[in-house]
Amino acid sequence: MPLVATRELVDRAVAHHLAVGAFNIITLEHAEAVVEGAERVDTPVILQISENAVRFHHGRLGPVAAAAAAIAEIATVPVALHLDHVEDDDLLRSAAGLGISSVMYDASKLDYDKNVEATRGAFYDLAQSFDRVNTRYFGGTMERPRLTWSRSFTGRKFGHYDHLKDLVMVSSTLDQARVPEFVVDYLMFHELLHKKHGVRWVNGRGYAHTRDFYAEERQFPQYDEADAWLTKLARG
């Protein structure tokens, strides 16, 4: 079956009060063994490729990721690919387009200031995106929320606003040179609209995407182009 996103497996596990196994692989044989074990017990599984494993393959992520993806495609259970304990930004960027849907970015060896700097994004700075969007669409009146990259590559959901934490989280899928700046700014605009409009409750049910929300969202000049880009990214 096709590769699935790590988030889907984790969400499913949480919903059913289960765990999902994640196993490091180095060679094709490791991937085959892990997936066969998962098939025997009919359970989803996550194949993890570490930076050390990439180093074993002479610094080339593509071949081992392709091999793992091929095993996943013929598996009878859902399989996701995860890039584990990444310290190198070039390796992080190289994961895009390889079927890897999550990344654990490890900055633990750096001091605090360098740690914060390392999580700003390889190509885009969310603080700069916020400043552009806030100035242009909110007259500079929007109080800045906490901003962070998700450090995972996603196939469908590219952003999230957490009202309780006042936090905007953006998928690292957008942190690529090939993704235009206006796409990042549109996603930022969308999430800030959630901050502005909040959730409307009707008969005990919450509605985040209201008519007013959609009307204001359409004011983004490159709405159609940004939507087309996100659709293309979602399709891989």
C-alpha atoms as a PDB file:
ATOM      1  CA  MET A   1       0.000   0.000   0.000  1.00  0.00           C
ATOM      2  CA  PRO A   2       1.159   3.610  -0.471  1.00  0.00           C
ATOM      3  CA  LEU A   3       3.349   5.325   2.095  1.00  0.00           C
ATOM      4  CA  VAL A   4       1.429   7.089   4.849  1.00  0.00           C
ATOM      5  CA  ALA A   5       2.428  10.095   6.923  1.00  0.00           C
ATOM      6  CA  THR A   6       3.924   9.515  10.358  1.00  0.00           C
ATOM      7  CA  ARG A   7       1.323  11.894  11.796  1.00  0.00           C
ATOM      8  CA  GLU A   8      -1.482   9.660  10.525  1.00  0.00           C
ATOM      9  CA  LEU A   9      -0.052   6.636  12.317  1.00  0.00           C
ATOM     10  CA  VAL A  10       0.513   8.566  15.540  1.00  0.00           C
ATOM     11  CA  ASP A  11      -2.993  10.100  15.440  1.00  0.00           C
ATOM     12  CA  ARG A  12      -4.483   6.652  14.872  1.00  0.00           C
ATOM     13  CA  ALA A  13      -2.504   5.203  17.771  1.00  0.00           C
ATOM     14  CA  VAL A  14      -3.598   8.013  20.106  1.00  0.00           C
ATOM     15  CA  ALA A  15      -7.248   7.634  19.080  1.00  0.00           C
ATOM     16  CA  HIS A  16      -7.169   3.908  19.865  1.00  0.00           C
ATOM     17  CA  HIS A  17      -4.947   4.182  22.979  1.00  0.00           C
ATOM     18  CA  LEU A  18      -2.196   2.225  21.276  1.00  0.00           C
ATOM     19  CA  ALA A  19       1.487   2.667  20.474  1.00  0.00           C
ATOM     20  CA  VAL A  20       3.137   2.596  17.068  1.00  0.00           C
ATOM     21  CA  GLY A  21       6.540   0.997  16.676  1.00  0.00           C
ATOM     22  CA  ALA A  22       9.421   2.946  15.097  1.00  0.00           C
ATOM     23  CA  PHE A  23      12.530   0.979  14.149  1.00  0.00           C
ATOM     24  CA  ASN A  24      15.877   2.166  12.805  1.00  0.00           C
ATOM     25  CA  ILE A  25      16.992   0.608   9.546  1.00  0.00           C
ATOM     26  CA  ILE A  26      20.382   0.710   7.862  1.00  0.00           C
ATOM     27  CA  THR A  27      20.030  -1.647   4.907  1.00  0.00           C
ATOM     28  CA  LEU A  28      17.288  -2.994   2.663  1.00  0.00           C
ATOM     29  CA  GLU A  29      17.300  -6.233   4.651  1.00  0.00           C
ATOM     30  CA  HIS A  30      16.529  -4.335   7.851  1.00  0.00           C
ATOM     31  CA  ALA A  31      13.524  -2.664   6.208  1.00  0.00           C
ATOM     32  CA  GLU A  32      12.283  -5.996   4.891  1.00  0.00           C
ATOM     33  CA  ALA A  33      12.590  -7.623   8.320  1.00  0.00           C
ATOM     34  CA  VAL A  34      10.810  -4.810  10.178  1.00  0.00           C
ATOM     35  CA  VAL A  35       7.931  -4.682   7.702  1.00  0.00           C
ATOM     36  CA  GLU A  36       7.561  -8.461   7.670  1.00  0.00           C
ATOM     37  CA  GLY A  37       7.323  -8.422  11.457  1.00  0.00           C
ATOM     38  CA  ALA A  38       4.651  -5.718  11.303  1.00  0.00           C
ATOM     39  CA  GLU A  39       2.714  -7.700   8.709  1.00  0.00           C
ATOM     40  CA  ARG A  40       2.777 -10.823  10.892  1.00  0.00           C
ATOM     41  CA  VAL A  41       1.014  -8.962  13.696  1.00  0.00           C
ATOM     42  CA  ASP A  42      -1.033  -6.786  11.309  1.00  0.00           C
ATOM     43  CA  THR A  43       0.052  -3.435  12.709  1.00  0.00           C
ATOM     44  CA  PRO A  44       1.367  -0.166  11.204  1.00  0.00           C
ATOM     45  CA  VAL A  45       5.054   0.633  11.553  1.00  0.00           C
ATOM     46  CA  ILE A  46       7.510   3.511  11.130  1.00  0.00           C
ATOM     47  CA  LEU A  47      10.860   2.950   9.413  1.00  0.00           C
ATOM     48  CA  GLN A  48      13.513   5.301  10.797  1.00  0.00           C
ATOM     49  CA  ILE A  49      16.652   6.342   8.945  1.00  0.00           C
ATOM     50  CA  SER A  50      19.217   8.025  11.178  1.00  0.00           C
ATOM     51  CA  GLU A  51      21.963  10.435  10.209  1.00  0.00           C
ATOM     52  CA  ASN A  52      24.421   7.704  11.140  1.00  0.00           C
ATOM     53  CA  ALA A  53      22.702   5.344   8.705  1.00  0.00           C
ATOM     54  CA  VAL A  54      23.015   7.958   5.957  1.00  0.00           C
ATOM     55  CA  ARG A  55      26.694   8.313   6.814  1.00  0.00           C
ATOM     56  CA  PHE A  56      27.044   4.522   6.430  1.00  0.00           C
ATOM     57  CA  HIS A  57      25.689   4.962   2.894  1.00  0.00           C
ATOM     58  CA  HIS A  58      28.426   7.510   2.100  1.00  0.00           C
ATOM     59  CA  GLY A  59      26.185  10.474   2.911  1.00  0.00           C
ATOM     60  CA  ARG A  60      23.514   9.554   0.376  1.00  0.00           C
ATOM     61  CA  LEU A  61      19.964   9.524   1.750  1.00  0.00           C
ATOM     62  CA  GLY A  62      18.197   8.962  -1.581  1.00  0.00           C
ATOM     63  CA  PRO A  63      19.065   5.282  -2.217  1.00  0.00           C
ATOM     64  CA  VAL A  64      18.215   3.979   1.258  1.00  0.00           C
ATOM     65  CA  ALA A  65      15.031   6.085   1.391  1.00  0.00           C
ATOM     66  CA  ALA A  66      13.994   4.798  -2.039  1.00  0.00           C
ATOM     67  CA  ALA A  67      14.605   1.203  -0.945  1.00  0.00           C
ATOM     68  CA  ALA A  68      12.540   1.679   2.218  1.00  0.00           C
ATOM     69  CA  ALA A  69       9.762   3.368   0.231  1.00  0.00           C
ATOM     70  CA  ALA A  70       9.711   0.456  -2.220  1.00  0.00           C
ATOM     71  CA  ILE A  71       9.253  -2.004   0.644  1.00  0.00           C
ATOM     72  CA  ALA A  72       6.474   0.165   2.047  1.00  0.00           C
ATOM     73  CA  GLU A  73       4.665   0.255  -1.303  1.00  0.00           C
ATOM     74  CA  ILE A  74       4.267  -3.535  -1.361  1.00  0.00           C
ATOM     75  CA  ALA A  75       3.542  -3.904   2.358  1.00  0.00           C
ATOM     76  CA  THR A  76       0.129  -5.086   3.525  1.00  0.00           C
ATOM     77  CA  VAL A  77       0.192  -2.722   6.518  1.00  0.00           C
ATOM     78  CA  PRO A  78       0.597   1.077   6.648  1.00  0.00           C
ATOM     79  CA  VAL A  79       4.249   2.172   6.690  1.00  0.00           C
ATOM     80  CA  ALA A  80       5.740   5.632   7.254  1.00  0.00           C
ATOM     81  CA  LEU A  81       9.305   6.905   6.795  1.00  0.00           C
ATOM     82  CA  HIS A  82      11.028   9.047   9.436  1.00  0.00           C
ATOM     83  CA  LEU A  83      14.428  10.765   9.378  1.00  0.00           C
ATOM     84  CA  ASP A  84      15.910  10.490  12.857  1.00  0.00           C
ATOM     85  CA  HIS A  85      18.376  12.594  14.886  1.00  0.00           C
ATOM     86  CA  VAL A  86      19.333  14.979  12.095  1.00  0.00           C
ATOM     87  CA  GLU A  87      22.033  17.525  12.908  1.00  0.00           C
ATOM     88  CA  ASP A  88      22.996  18.521   9.368  1.00  0.00           C
ATOM     89  CA  ASP A  89      20.819  21.126   7.629  1.00  0.00           C
ATOM     90  CA  ASP A  90      21.758  19.868   4.165  1.00  0.00           C
ATOM     91  CA  LEU A  91      20.529  16.400   5.104  1.00  0.00           C
ATOM     92  CA  LEU A  92      17.316  17.908   6.460  1.00  0.00           C
ATOM     93  CA  ARG A  93      16.670  19.713   3.176  1.00  0.00           C
ATOM     94  CA  SER A  94      17.481  16.620   1.125  1.00  0.00           C
ATOM     95  CA  ALA A  95      14.604  14.699   2.735  1.00  0.00           C
ATOM     96  CA  ALA A  96      11.970  16.637   0.796  1.00  0.00           C
ATOM     97  CA  GLY A  97      10.427  14.623  -2.011  1.00  0.00           C
ATOM     98  CA  LEU A  98      11.741  11.251  -0.791  1.00  0.00           C
ATOM     99  CA  GLY A  99       8.571  10.096   0.931  1.00  0.00           C
ATOM    100  CA  ILE A 100       9.848  11.046   4.387  1.00  0.00           C
ATOM    101  CA  SER A 101       6.993  12.595   6.347  1.00  0.00           C
ATOM    102  CA  SER A 102       8.652  13.400   9.674  1.00  0.00           C
ATOM    103  CA  VAL A 103      12.033  14.485  10.969  1.00  0.00           C
ATOM    104  CA  MET A 104      13.578  14.608  14.425  1.00  0.00           C
ATOM    105  CA  TYR A 105      15.946  17.601  14.318  1.00  0.00           C
ATOM    106  CA  ASP A 106      18.652  17.242  16.963  1.00  0.00           C
ATOM    107  CA  ALA A 107      20.316  20.448  18.147  1.00  0.00           C
ATOM    108  CA  SER A 108      21.154  19.092  21.598  1.00  0.00           C
ATOM    109  CA  LYS A 109      24.896  19.515  21.129  1.00  0.00           C
ATOM    110  CA  LEU A 110      24.544  23.270  20.642  1.00  0.00           C
ATOM    111  CA  ASP A 111      24.239  25.901  23.346  1.00  0.00           C
ATOM    112  CA  TYR A 112      20.867  27.555  23.906  1.00  0.00           C
ATOM    113  CA  ASP A 113      21.319  30.488  21.513  1.00  0.00           C
ATOM    114  CA  LYS A 114      22.612  28.254  18.738  1.00  0.00           C
ATOM    115  CA  ASN A 115      19.810  25.785  19.445  1.00  0.00           C
ATOM    116  CA  VAL A 116      17.188  28.471  18.925  1.00  0.00           C
ATOM    117  CA  GLU A 117      18.948  29.719  15.803  1.00  0.00           C
ATOM    118  CA  ALA A 118      19.082  26.194  14.354  1.00  0.00           C
ATOM    119  CA  THR A 119      15.321  25.807  14.561  1.00  0.00           C
ATOM    120  CA  ARG A 120      14.479  28.996  12.656  1.00  0.00           C
ATOM    121  CA  GLY A 121      14.267  27.277   9.299  1.00  0.00           C
ATOM    122  CA  ALA A 122      16.728  26.371   6.605  1.00  0.00           C
ATOM    123  CA  PHE A 123      15.325  28.832   4.039  1.00  0.00           C
ATOM    124  CA  TYR A 124      12.601  30.963   5.611  1.00  0.00           C
ATOM    125  CA  ASP A 125      12.401  32.895   8.871  1.00  0.00           C
ATOM    126  CA  LEU A 126       8.875  32.755  10.285  1.00  0.00           C
ATOM    127  CA  ALA A 127       9.474  35.960  12.236  1.00  0.00           C
ATOM    128  CA  GLN A 128      10.088  37.813   8.965  1.00  0.00           C
ATOM    129  CA  SER A 129       7.008  36.239   7.405  1.00  0.00           C
ATOM    130  CA  PHE A 130       4.924  37.346  10.398  1.00  0.00           C
ATOM    131  CA  ASP A 131       6.241  40.902  10.132  1.00  0.00           C
ATOM    132  CA  ARG A 132       5.370  41.098   6.420  1.00  0.00           C
ATOM    133  CA  VAL A 133       1.884  39.691   6.912  1.00  0.00           C
ATOM    134  CA  ASN A 134       1.140  41.690  10.048  1.00  0.00           C
ATOM    135  CA  THR A 135       2.159  44.957   8.409  1.00  0.00           C
ATOM    136  CA  ARG A 136       0.308  44.376   5.143  1.00  0.00           C
ATOM    137  CA  TYR A 137      -2.924  42.734   6.301  1.00  0.00           C
ATOM    138  CA  PHE A 138      -3.358  43.652   9.955  1.00  0.00           C
ATOM    139  CA  GLY A 139      -1.907  47.161  10.006  1.00  0.00           C
ATOM    140  CA  GLY A 140       0.825  46.065  12.388  1.00  0.00           C
ATOM    141  CA  THR A 141      -1.708  45.569  15.198  1.00  0.00           C
ATOM    142  CA  MET A 142      -1.508  41.796  15.530  1.00  0.00           C
ATOM    143  CA  GLU A 143       0.359  40.702  18.645  1.00  0.00           C
ATOM    144  CA  ARG A 144       3.018  38.239  17.614  1.00  0.00           C
ATOM    145  CA  PRO A 145       2.276  34.648  18.639  1.00  0.00           C
ATOM    146  CA  ARG A 146       4.915  32.029  19.260  1.00  0.00           C
ATOM    147  CA  LEU A 147       6.257  30.829  15.917  1.00  0.00           C
ATOM    148  CA  THR A 148       7.853  27.501  15.118  1.00  0.00           C
ATOM    149  CA  TRP A 149       8.565  25.072  12.310  1.00  0.00           C
ATOM    150  CA  SER A 150       7.098  21.621  12.876  1.00  0.00           C
ATOM    151  CA  ARG A 151      10.415  19.958  11.894  1.00  0.00           C
ATOM    152  CA  SER A 152       8.409  17.362  10.011  1.00  0.00           C
ATOM    153  CA  PHE A 153       7.426  17.002   6.376  1.00  0.00           C
ATOM    154  CA  THR A 154       3.701  16.698   5.872  1.00  0.00           C
ATOM    155  CA  GLY A 155       1.520  15.699   2.989  1.00  0.00           C
ATOM    156  CA  ARG A 156      -1.729  17.489   3.788  1.00  0.00           C
ATOM    157  CA  LYS A 157      -1.726  19.739   6.854  1.00  0.00           C
ATOM    158  CA  PHE A 158       0.795  22.551   6.442  1.00  0.00           C
ATOM    159  CA  GLY A 159       0.023  24.740   9.437  1.00  0.00           C
ATOM    160  CA  HIS A 160      -1.786  24.973  12.748  1.00  0.00           C
ATOM    161  CA  TYR A 161      -2.757  27.666  15.228  1.00  0.00           C
ATOM    162  CA  ASP A 162      -3.031  26.638  18.873  1.00  0.00           C
ATOM    163  CA  HIS A 163      -5.332  29.094  20.672  1.00  0.00           C
ATOM    164  CA  LEU A 164      -4.333  27.911  24.141  1.00  0.00           C
ATOM    165  CA  LYS A 165      -0.603  28.312  23.534  1.00  0.00           C
ATOM    166  CA  ASP A 166      -0.948  31.236  21.095  1.00  0.00           C
ATOM    167  CA  LEU A 167       1.324  29.254  18.794  1.00  0.00           C
ATOM    168  CA  VAL A 168       1.607  29.160  15.008  1.00  0.00           C
ATOM    169  CA  MET A 169       3.262  25.985  13.758  1.00  0.00           C
ATOM    170  CA  VAL A 170       4.243  25.662  10.088  1.00  0.00           C
ATOM    171  CA  SER A 171       5.267  22.448   8.366  1.00  0.00           C
ATOM    172  CA  SER A 172       8.897  22.169   7.284  1.00  0.00           C
ATOM    173  CA  THR A 173       7.555  21.044   3.922  1.00  0.00           C
ATOM    174  CA  LEU A 174       7.331  24.775   3.112  1.00  0.00           C
ATOM    175  CA  ASP A 175      10.905  25.477   4.231  1.00  0.00           C
ATOM    176  CA  GLN A 176      12.395  24.784   0.810  1.00  0.00           C
ATOM    177  CA  ALA A 177      14.052  26.982  -1.783  1.00  0.00           C
ATOM    178  CA  ARG A 178      11.604  25.809  -4.459  1.00  0.00           C
ATOM    179  CA  VAL A 179       8.599  27.018  -2.452  1.00  0.00           C
ATOM    180  CA  PRO A 180       7.859  30.711  -3.205  1.00  0.00           C
ATOM    181  CA  GLU A 181       7.870  33.187  -0.355  1.00  0.00           C
ATOM    182  CA  PHE A 182       4.238  34.124  -0.974  1.00  0.00           C
ATOM    183  CA  VAL A 183       3.195  30.535  -0.164  1.00  0.00           C
ATOM    184  CA  VAL A 184       4.799  30.772   3.279  1.00  0.00           C
ATOM    185  CA  ASP A 185       3.211  34.186   3.802  1.00  0.00           C
ATOM    186  CA  TYR A 186      -0.205  32.880   2.751  1.00  0.00           C
ATOM    187  CA  LEU A 187       0.049  30.046   5.264  1.00  0.00           C
ATOM    188  CA  MET A 188       1.086  32.560   7.929  1.00  0.00           C
ATOM    189  CA  PHE A 189      -1.879  34.779   6.961  1.00  0.00           C
ATOM    190  CA  HIS A 190      -4.253  31.815   7.194  1.00  0.00           C
ATOM    191  CA  GLU A 191      -3.078  30.859  10.683  1.00  0.00           C
ATOM    192  CA  LEU A 192      -3.177  34.456  11.911  1.00  0.00           C
ATOM    193  CA  LEU A 193      -6.781  34.648  10.741  1.00  0.00           C
ATOM    194  CA  HIS A 194      -7.475  31.791  13.139  1.00  0.00           C
ATOM    195  CA  LYS A 195      -5.899  33.901  15.885  1.00  0.00           C
ATOM    196  CA  LYS A 196      -8.051  36.876  14.896  1.00  0.00           C
ATOM    197  CA  HIS A 197     -11.397  35.139  14.412  1.00  0.00           C
ATOM    198  CA  GLY A 198     -11.126  32.443  17.040  1.00  0.00           C
ATOM    199  CA  VAL A 199     -13.698  29.646  17.151  1.00  0.00           C
ATOM    200  CA  ARG A 200     -17.433  30.201  16.808  1.00  0.00           C
ATOM    201  CA  TRP A 201     -19.534  27.815  18.899  1.00  0.00           C
ATOM    202  CA  VAL A 202     -23.007  26.767  17.774  1.00  0.00           C
ATOM    203  CA  ASN A 203     -24.991  24.133  19.679  1.00  0.00           C
ATOM    204  CA  GLY A 204     -21.850  22.833  21.312  1.00  0.00           C
ATOM    205  CA  ARG A 205     -19.920  22.549  18.052  1.00  0.00           C
ATOM    206  CA  GLY A 206     -16.921  24.728  17.207  1.00  0.00           C
ATOM    207  CA  TYR A 207     -16.447  26.332  13.786  1.00  0.00           C
ATOM    208  CA  ALA A 208     -13.026  27.766  12.911  1.00  0.00           C
ATOM    209  CA  HIS A 209     -13.626  28.359   9.196  1.00  0.00           C
ATOM    210  CA  THR A 210     -16.587  30.700   9.195  1.00  0.00           C
ATOM    211  CA  ARG A 211     -18.021  32.756   6.331  1.00  0.00           C
ATOM    212  CA  ASP A 212     -16.197  35.851   7.606  1.00  0.00           C
ATOM    213  CA  PHE A 213     -12.963  33.870   7.828  1.00  0.00           C
ATOM    214  CA  TYR A 214     -13.209  32.707   4.215  1.00  0.00           C
ATOM    215  CA  ALA A 215     -14.141  36.186   2.995  1.00  0.00           C
ATOM    216  CA  GLU A 216     -11.078  37.745   4.628  1.00  0.00           C
ATOM    217  CA  GLU A 217      -8.811  34.917   3.515  1.00  0.00           C
ATOM    218  CA  ARG A 218      -9.769  35.625  -0.093  1.00  0.00           C
ATOM    219  CA  GLN A 219      -8.240  39.097   0.268  1.00  0.00           C
ATOM    220  CA  PHE A 220      -4.784  37.563  -0.028  1.00  0.00           C
ATOM    221  CA  PRO A 221      -3.687  38.750  -3.520  1.00  0.00           C
ATOM    222  CA  GLN A 222      -2.112  35.433  -4.528  1.00  0.00           C
ATOM    223  CA  TYR A 223      -4.707  33.211  -2.903  1.00  0.00           C
ATOM    224  CA  ASP A 224      -5.298  31.025  -5.972  1.00  0.00           C
ATOM    225  CA  GLU A 225      -1.587  30.621  -6.718  1.00  0.00           C
ATOM    226  CA  ALA A 226      -0.805  29.753  -3.085  1.00  0.00           C
ATOM    227  CA  ASP A 227      -3.680  27.267  -2.936  1.00  0.00           C
ATOM    228  CA  ALA A 228      -2.424  25.634  -6.140  1.00  0.00           C
ATOM    229  CA  TRP A 229       1.079  25.341  -4.657  1.00  0.00           C
ATOM    230  CA  LEU A 230      -0.218  23.684  -1.489  1.00  0.00           C
ATOM    231  CA  THR A 231      -2.294  21.282  -3.564  1.00  0.00           C
ATOM    232  CA  LYS A 232       0.788  20.370  -5.595  1.00  0.00           C
ATOM    233  CA  LEU A 233       2.852  19.820  -2.442  1.00  0.00           C
ATOM    234  CA  ALA A 234       0.108  17.658  -0.965  1.00  0.00           C
ATOM    235  CA  ARG A 235       0.153  15.455  -4.033  1.00  0.00           C
ATOM    236  CA  GLY A 236       3.896  15.056  -3.773  1.00  0.00           C
END
